[in-house]
Amino acid sequence: MKIDAVGVSSTNLEKTVAFYKLLGFEFGEFSADEQHLEPHTPDGSARLMIDVAGLLAEILGETPHPGNHSSFAVQYSSPAEVDRVAAAVKAAGHSLSVEPWDAPWGQRYAIVQDPDGYRVDLYAAL
């Protein structure tokens, strides 16, 4: 068994894609009427699925919403990369739930929020 994918909902795909590009995800072309997007995923990595909130509301019978804890984590190759990505997210006007810090478990760690409020952990080994 393995985790194959994580999903978030989006009320504005353009804003959501722009945010995830700041984290390093790469997207192909998409049209304004897309209901589901997935960025290119490296082999062996879980897929990120982004669904339009309206589609998920139809499926779930209620409006999707993020929780107060991270929905997934992105691993980077260095602490400096975590700092760079967190700074880019902040400079683009997005929220940082937790500024980069050296966690006692041996990682440089930050938590950012996408345009719909989904929290994403950013980390790298110290």
N, C-alpha and C. Protein backbone atom coordinates (compact mmCIF):
# COMPACT_ATOMS: atom_id res chain seq x y z
N MET A 1 0.84 -1.17 0.00
CA MET A 1 0.00 0.00 0.00
C MET A 1 0.89 1.24 0.00
N LYS A 2 0.43 2.31 -0.67
CA LYS A 2 1.13 3.59 -0.65
C LYS A 2 0.13 4.70 -0.87
N ILE A 3 0.48 5.89 -0.41
CA ILE A 3 -0.36 7.06 -0.70
C ILE A 3 -0.07 7.46 -2.14
N ASP A 4 -1.11 7.49 -2.95
CA ASP A 4 -0.95 7.77 -4.37
C ASP A 4 -1.18 9.23 -4.72
N ALA A 5 -2.06 9.90 -3.97
CA ALA A 5 -2.40 11.28 -4.32
C ALA A 5 -2.94 12.02 -3.11
N VAL A 6 -2.81 13.34 -3.14
CA VAL A 6 -3.44 14.23 -2.18
C VAL A 6 -4.26 15.22 -2.99
N GLY A 7 -5.32 15.72 -2.41
CA GLY A 7 -6.19 16.61 -3.17
C GLY A 7 -6.55 17.87 -2.40
N VAL A 8 -6.74 18.93 -3.16
CA VAL A 8 -7.23 20.19 -2.63
C VAL A 8 -8.32 20.69 -3.58
N SER A 9 -9.15 21.59 -3.08
CA SER A 9 -10.14 22.20 -3.94
C SER A 9 -9.71 23.63 -4.25
N SER A 10 -10.28 24.19 -5.31
CA SER A 10 -9.91 25.53 -5.74
C SER A 10 -11.15 26.31 -6.15
N THR A 11 -11.24 27.54 -5.67
CA THR A 11 -12.30 28.43 -6.13
C THR A 11 -11.82 29.31 -7.27
N ASN A 12 -10.49 29.28 -7.55
CA ASN A 12 -9.93 30.06 -8.65
C ASN A 12 -8.67 29.33 -9.13
N LEU A 13 -8.80 28.56 -10.22
CA LEU A 13 -7.69 27.74 -10.69
C LEU A 13 -6.44 28.55 -11.03
N GLU A 14 -6.60 29.72 -11.63
CA GLU A 14 -5.44 30.52 -11.97
C GLU A 14 -4.62 30.88 -10.74
N LYS A 15 -5.29 31.34 -9.68
CA LYS A 15 -4.60 31.68 -8.44
C LYS A 15 -3.99 30.44 -7.80
N THR A 16 -4.71 29.35 -7.81
CA THR A 16 -4.21 28.12 -7.20
C THR A 16 -2.99 27.61 -7.94
N VAL A 17 -3.03 27.59 -9.26
CA VAL A 17 -1.88 27.14 -10.05
C VAL A 17 -0.68 28.06 -9.81
N ALA A 18 -0.90 29.37 -9.78
CA ALA A 18 0.20 30.31 -9.53
C ALA A 18 0.84 30.04 -8.17
N PHE A 19 0.04 29.75 -7.16
CA PHE A 19 0.57 29.44 -5.83
C PHE A 19 1.43 28.18 -5.88
N TYR A 20 0.90 27.10 -6.44
CA TYR A 20 1.64 25.84 -6.44
C TYR A 20 2.88 25.90 -7.33
N LYS A 21 2.88 26.78 -8.32
CA LYS A 21 4.11 27.00 -9.09
C LYS A 21 5.19 27.61 -8.21
N LEU A 22 4.81 28.49 -7.27
CA LEU A 22 5.77 29.06 -6.33
C LEU A 22 6.44 27.97 -5.50
N LEU A 23 5.72 26.88 -5.23
CA LEU A 23 6.27 25.77 -4.46
C LEU A 23 7.15 24.86 -5.30
N GLY A 24 7.11 25.04 -6.64
CA GLY A 24 7.95 24.24 -7.52
C GLY A 24 7.20 23.25 -8.39
N PHE A 25 5.88 23.21 -8.29
CA PHE A 25 5.10 22.31 -9.14
C PHE A 25 5.07 22.85 -10.57
N GLU A 26 5.07 21.95 -11.53
CA GLU A 26 5.03 22.33 -12.95
C GLU A 26 3.73 21.85 -13.57
N PHE A 27 3.06 22.77 -14.25
CA PHE A 27 1.77 22.48 -14.88
C PHE A 27 1.87 22.61 -16.38
N GLY A 28 1.09 21.81 -17.08
CA GLY A 28 0.93 21.98 -18.51
C GLY A 28 -0.13 23.04 -18.75
N GLU A 29 -0.46 23.24 -20.01
CA GLU A 29 -1.51 24.19 -20.35
C GLU A 29 -2.86 23.68 -19.83
N PHE A 30 -3.73 24.62 -19.46
CA PHE A 30 -5.09 24.24 -19.06
C PHE A 30 -6.05 25.32 -19.50
N SER A 31 -7.31 24.94 -19.63
CA SER A 31 -8.33 25.90 -20.07
C SER A 31 -9.16 26.37 -18.88
N ALA A 32 -9.85 27.47 -19.07
CA ALA A 32 -10.64 28.08 -18.00
C ALA A 32 -11.77 27.17 -17.52
N ASP A 33 -12.20 26.22 -18.33
CA ASP A 33 -13.31 25.36 -17.93
C ASP A 33 -12.86 24.03 -17.34
N GLU A 34 -11.58 23.88 -17.05
CA GLU A 34 -11.08 22.64 -16.43
C GLU A 34 -11.76 22.43 -15.08
N GLN A 35 -12.01 21.20 -14.73
CA GLN A 35 -12.59 20.85 -13.45
C GLN A 35 -11.58 20.14 -12.54
N HIS A 36 -10.52 19.60 -13.16
CA HIS A 36 -9.52 18.80 -12.43
C HIS A 36 -8.15 19.03 -13.07
N LEU A 37 -7.15 19.33 -12.25
CA LEU A 37 -5.78 19.51 -12.74
C LEU A 37 -4.83 18.70 -11.89
N GLU A 38 -3.75 18.24 -12.52
CA GLU A 38 -2.67 17.60 -11.81
C GLU A 38 -1.36 18.10 -12.40
N PRO A 39 -0.47 18.65 -11.57
CA PRO A 39 0.83 19.05 -12.10
C PRO A 39 1.65 17.81 -12.45
N HIS A 40 2.73 18.02 -13.20
CA HIS A 40 3.63 16.92 -13.50
C HIS A 40 4.22 16.42 -12.18
N THR A 41 4.31 15.11 -12.04
CA THR A 41 4.78 14.51 -10.80
C THR A 41 6.01 13.66 -11.07
N PRO A 42 7.07 13.85 -10.30
CA PRO A 42 8.24 12.99 -10.47
C PRO A 42 7.89 11.52 -10.17
N ASP A 43 8.54 10.60 -10.82
CA ASP A 43 8.31 9.18 -10.57
C ASP A 43 8.46 8.88 -9.08
N GLY A 44 7.54 8.09 -8.56
CA GLY A 44 7.58 7.67 -7.17
C GLY A 44 6.97 8.67 -6.19
N SER A 45 6.56 9.82 -6.67
CA SER A 45 5.97 10.84 -5.81
C SER A 45 4.45 10.76 -5.87
N ALA A 46 3.80 11.10 -4.77
CA ALA A 46 2.33 11.17 -4.77
C ALA A 46 1.89 12.32 -5.68
N ARG A 47 0.76 12.13 -6.33
CA ARG A 47 0.21 13.16 -7.22
C ARG A 47 -0.54 14.22 -6.42
N LEU A 48 -0.50 15.45 -6.89
CA LEU A 48 -1.32 16.52 -6.35
C LEU A 48 -2.52 16.67 -7.28
N MET A 49 -3.72 16.54 -6.73
CA MET A 49 -4.94 16.70 -7.51
C MET A 49 -5.63 17.99 -7.06
N ILE A 50 -5.95 18.84 -8.01
CA ILE A 50 -6.65 20.09 -7.72
C ILE A 50 -7.99 20.03 -8.45
N ASP A 51 -9.07 20.06 -7.68
CA ASP A 51 -10.41 20.01 -8.24
C ASP A 51 -11.14 21.32 -7.98
N VAL A 52 -11.93 21.74 -8.95
CA VAL A 52 -12.74 22.95 -8.78
C VAL A 52 -13.72 22.70 -7.64
N ALA A 53 -13.83 23.67 -6.74
CA ALA A 53 -14.68 23.52 -5.56
C ALA A 53 -16.12 23.17 -5.91
N GLY A 54 -16.65 23.72 -7.00
CA GLY A 54 -18.02 23.42 -7.41
C GLY A 54 -18.22 21.96 -7.74
N LEU A 55 -17.24 21.35 -8.39
CA LEU A 55 -17.31 19.93 -8.72
C LEU A 55 -17.33 19.10 -7.44
N LEU A 56 -16.45 19.43 -6.50
CA LEU A 56 -16.42 18.67 -5.25
C LEU A 56 -17.69 18.87 -4.44
N ALA A 57 -18.27 20.06 -4.49
CA ALA A 57 -19.53 20.30 -3.78
C ALA A 57 -20.63 19.39 -4.33
N GLU A 58 -20.64 19.21 -5.65
CA GLU A 58 -21.62 18.29 -6.26
C GLU A 58 -21.40 16.86 -5.78
N ILE A 59 -20.14 16.45 -5.72
CA ILE A 59 -19.82 15.07 -5.32
C ILE A 59 -20.08 14.86 -3.83
N LEU A 60 -19.64 15.82 -2.99
CA LEU A 60 -19.73 15.68 -1.54
C LEU A 60 -21.10 16.03 -0.97
N GLY A 61 -21.84 16.85 -1.69
CA GLY A 61 -23.11 17.33 -1.17
C GLY A 61 -22.94 18.50 -0.20
N GLU A 62 -21.75 19.04 -0.12
CA GLU A 62 -21.46 20.20 0.71
C GLU A 62 -20.20 20.88 0.17
N THR A 63 -20.02 22.14 0.53
CA THR A 63 -18.86 22.89 0.07
C THR A 63 -17.58 22.35 0.71
N PRO A 64 -16.55 22.07 -0.09
CA PRO A 64 -15.29 21.60 0.49
C PRO A 64 -14.59 22.74 1.23
N HIS A 65 -13.85 22.40 2.28
CA HIS A 65 -13.11 23.43 3.01
C HIS A 65 -11.87 22.80 3.65
N PRO A 66 -10.81 23.59 3.78
CA PRO A 66 -9.59 23.06 4.41
C PRO A 66 -9.75 22.96 5.91
N GLY A 67 -8.94 22.12 6.52
CA GLY A 67 -8.91 22.01 7.97
C GLY A 67 -7.90 23.00 8.54
N ASN A 68 -7.59 22.84 9.81
CA ASN A 68 -6.62 23.75 10.44
C ASN A 68 -5.24 23.13 10.54
N HIS A 69 -5.05 22.01 9.86
CA HIS A 69 -3.75 21.34 9.85
C HIS A 69 -3.35 21.11 8.41
N SER A 70 -2.05 20.93 8.20
CA SER A 70 -1.53 20.77 6.84
C SER A 70 -2.20 19.62 6.12
N SER A 71 -2.43 19.83 4.83
CA SER A 71 -3.02 18.77 4.02
C SER A 71 -1.94 17.87 3.44
N PHE A 72 -0.73 18.40 3.26
CA PHE A 72 0.40 17.60 2.81
C PHE A 72 1.68 18.38 3.00
N ALA A 73 2.81 17.72 2.77
CA ALA A 73 4.12 18.34 2.95
C ALA A 73 4.94 18.20 1.68
N VAL A 74 5.79 19.20 1.43
CA VAL A 74 6.68 19.19 0.28
C VAL A 74 8.12 19.20 0.81
N GLN A 75 8.90 18.23 0.38
CA GLN A 75 10.29 18.12 0.80
C GLN A 75 11.20 18.85 -0.19
N TYR A 76 12.13 19.64 0.34
CA TYR A 76 13.11 20.35 -0.47
C TYR A 76 14.50 19.84 -0.16
N SER A 77 15.45 20.19 -1.02
CA SER A 77 16.80 19.65 -0.89
C SER A 77 17.67 20.38 0.13
N SER A 78 17.27 21.59 0.55
CA SER A 78 18.10 22.31 1.51
C SER A 78 17.26 23.28 2.34
N PRO A 79 17.75 23.65 3.53
CA PRO A 79 17.07 24.67 4.33
C PRO A 79 16.94 26.00 3.58
N ALA A 80 17.95 26.36 2.79
CA ALA A 80 17.90 27.61 2.03
C ALA A 80 16.75 27.59 1.03
N GLU A 81 16.46 26.43 0.46
CA GLU A 81 15.36 26.33 -0.50
C GLU A 81 14.02 26.54 0.22
N VAL A 82 13.87 26.01 1.42
CA VAL A 82 12.65 26.25 2.21
C VAL A 82 12.49 27.74 2.44
N ASP A 83 13.57 28.41 2.84
CA ASP A 83 13.51 29.85 3.09
C ASP A 83 13.15 30.61 1.81
N ARG A 84 13.75 30.22 0.69
CA ARG A 84 13.50 30.90 -0.59
C ARG A 84 12.04 30.75 -1.01
N VAL A 85 11.51 29.52 -0.92
CA VAL A 85 10.12 29.27 -1.33
C VAL A 85 9.16 30.00 -0.40
N ALA A 86 9.39 29.94 0.91
CA ALA A 86 8.52 30.64 1.86
C ALA A 86 8.53 32.15 1.59
N ALA A 87 9.71 32.71 1.30
CA ALA A 87 9.80 34.14 1.00
C ALA A 87 9.05 34.48 -0.29
N ALA A 88 9.14 33.62 -1.30
CA ALA A 88 8.42 33.85 -2.56
C ALA A 88 6.92 33.80 -2.35
N VAL A 89 6.46 32.86 -1.54
CA VAL A 89 5.03 32.74 -1.23
C VAL A 89 4.55 34.02 -0.53
N LYS A 90 5.31 34.46 0.46
CA LYS A 90 4.94 35.67 1.21
C LYS A 90 4.96 36.90 0.30
N ALA A 91 5.99 37.03 -0.53
CA ALA A 91 6.11 38.17 -1.44
C ALA A 91 4.97 38.22 -2.45
N ALA A 92 4.43 37.06 -2.79
CA ALA A 92 3.31 36.99 -3.73
C ALA A 92 1.97 37.29 -3.05
N GLY A 93 2.00 37.56 -1.74
CA GLY A 93 0.79 37.95 -1.02
C GLY A 93 0.04 36.81 -0.36
N HIS A 94 0.63 35.63 -0.31
CA HIS A 94 -0.01 34.49 0.35
C HIS A 94 0.38 34.45 1.82
N SER A 95 -0.35 33.71 2.60
CA SER A 95 -0.12 33.64 4.04
C SER A 95 0.88 32.56 4.41
N LEU A 96 1.71 32.89 5.39
CA LEU A 96 2.56 31.91 6.04
C LEU A 96 1.94 31.63 7.40
N SER A 97 1.55 30.39 7.65
CA SER A 97 1.00 30.04 8.96
C SER A 97 2.11 29.95 9.98
N VAL A 98 3.27 29.46 9.53
CA VAL A 98 4.45 29.34 10.39
C VAL A 98 5.66 29.76 9.57
N GLU A 99 6.35 30.81 10.02
CA GLU A 99 7.58 31.27 9.36
C GLU A 99 8.63 30.16 9.44
N PRO A 100 9.58 30.13 8.50
CA PRO A 100 10.64 29.11 8.55
C PRO A 100 11.38 29.13 9.89
N TRP A 101 11.63 27.93 10.41
CA TRP A 101 12.34 27.79 11.67
C TRP A 101 13.06 26.45 11.69
N ASP A 102 14.03 26.33 12.58
CA ASP A 102 14.77 25.07 12.74
C ASP A 102 14.05 24.24 13.79
N ALA A 103 13.31 23.24 13.34
CA ALA A 103 12.50 22.41 14.23
C ALA A 103 13.41 21.45 15.01
N PRO A 104 13.00 21.09 16.22
CA PRO A 104 13.84 20.22 17.06
C PRO A 104 14.00 18.80 16.50
N TRP A 105 13.20 18.44 15.52
CA TRP A 105 13.32 17.10 14.92
C TRP A 105 14.30 17.09 13.74
N GLY A 106 15.06 18.19 13.58
CA GLY A 106 16.14 18.20 12.61
C GLY A 106 15.77 18.65 11.21
N GLN A 107 14.75 19.50 11.10
CA GLN A 107 14.33 19.99 9.78
C GLN A 107 14.14 21.51 9.81
N ARG A 108 14.41 22.15 8.68
CA ARG A 108 13.99 23.53 8.46
C ARG A 108 12.54 23.41 8.05
N TYR A 109 11.65 24.13 8.69
CA TYR A 109 10.22 23.88 8.54
C TYR A 109 9.45 25.19 8.41
N ALA A 110 8.45 25.20 7.55
CA ALA A 110 7.54 26.34 7.41
C ALA A 110 6.19 25.79 7.00
N ILE A 111 5.15 26.57 7.22
CA ILE A 111 3.81 26.19 6.78
C ILE A 111 3.22 27.38 6.04
N VAL A 112 2.77 27.15 4.80
CA VAL A 112 2.18 28.19 3.96
C VAL A 112 0.73 27.82 3.65
N GLN A 113 -0.05 28.81 3.20
CA GLN A 113 -1.46 28.57 2.87
C GLN A 113 -1.71 28.90 1.42
N ASP A 114 -2.44 28.01 0.72
CA ASP A 114 -2.80 28.30 -0.67
C ASP A 114 -3.97 29.28 -0.69
N PRO A 115 -4.39 29.73 -1.87
CA PRO A 115 -5.45 30.75 -1.94
C PRO A 115 -6.78 30.34 -1.30
N ASP A 116 -7.03 29.04 -1.18
CA ASP A 116 -8.28 28.59 -0.56
C ASP A 116 -8.10 28.21 0.91
N GLY A 117 -6.88 28.39 1.44
CA GLY A 117 -6.65 28.13 2.86
C GLY A 117 -6.05 26.78 3.19
N TYR A 118 -5.76 25.95 2.18
CA TYR A 118 -5.11 24.67 2.46
C TYR A 118 -3.68 24.93 2.90
N ARG A 119 -3.28 24.30 3.97
CA ARG A 119 -1.95 24.49 4.52
C ARG A 119 -1.00 23.43 3.97
N VAL A 120 0.19 23.87 3.63
CA VAL A 120 1.20 22.99 3.07
C VAL A 120 2.48 23.15 3.87
N ASP A 121 3.01 22.05 4.39
CA ASP A 121 4.28 22.08 5.09
C ASP A 121 5.40 22.09 4.07
N LEU A 122 6.42 22.91 4.32
CA LEU A 122 7.64 22.93 3.53
C LEU A 122 8.77 22.51 4.47
N TYR A 123 9.62 21.58 4.04
CA TYR A 123 10.68 21.16 4.94
C TYR A 123 11.90 20.66 4.17
N ALA A 124 13.04 20.69 4.89
CA ALA A 124 14.29 20.12 4.41
C ALA A 124 15.11 19.71 5.62
N ALA A 125 15.91 18.69 5.47
CA ALA A 125 16.79 18.26 6.56
C ALA A 125 17.80 19.36 6.86
N LEU A 126 18.09 19.53 8.14
CA LEU A 126 19.12 20.51 8.54
C LEU A 126 20.51 19.93 8.32
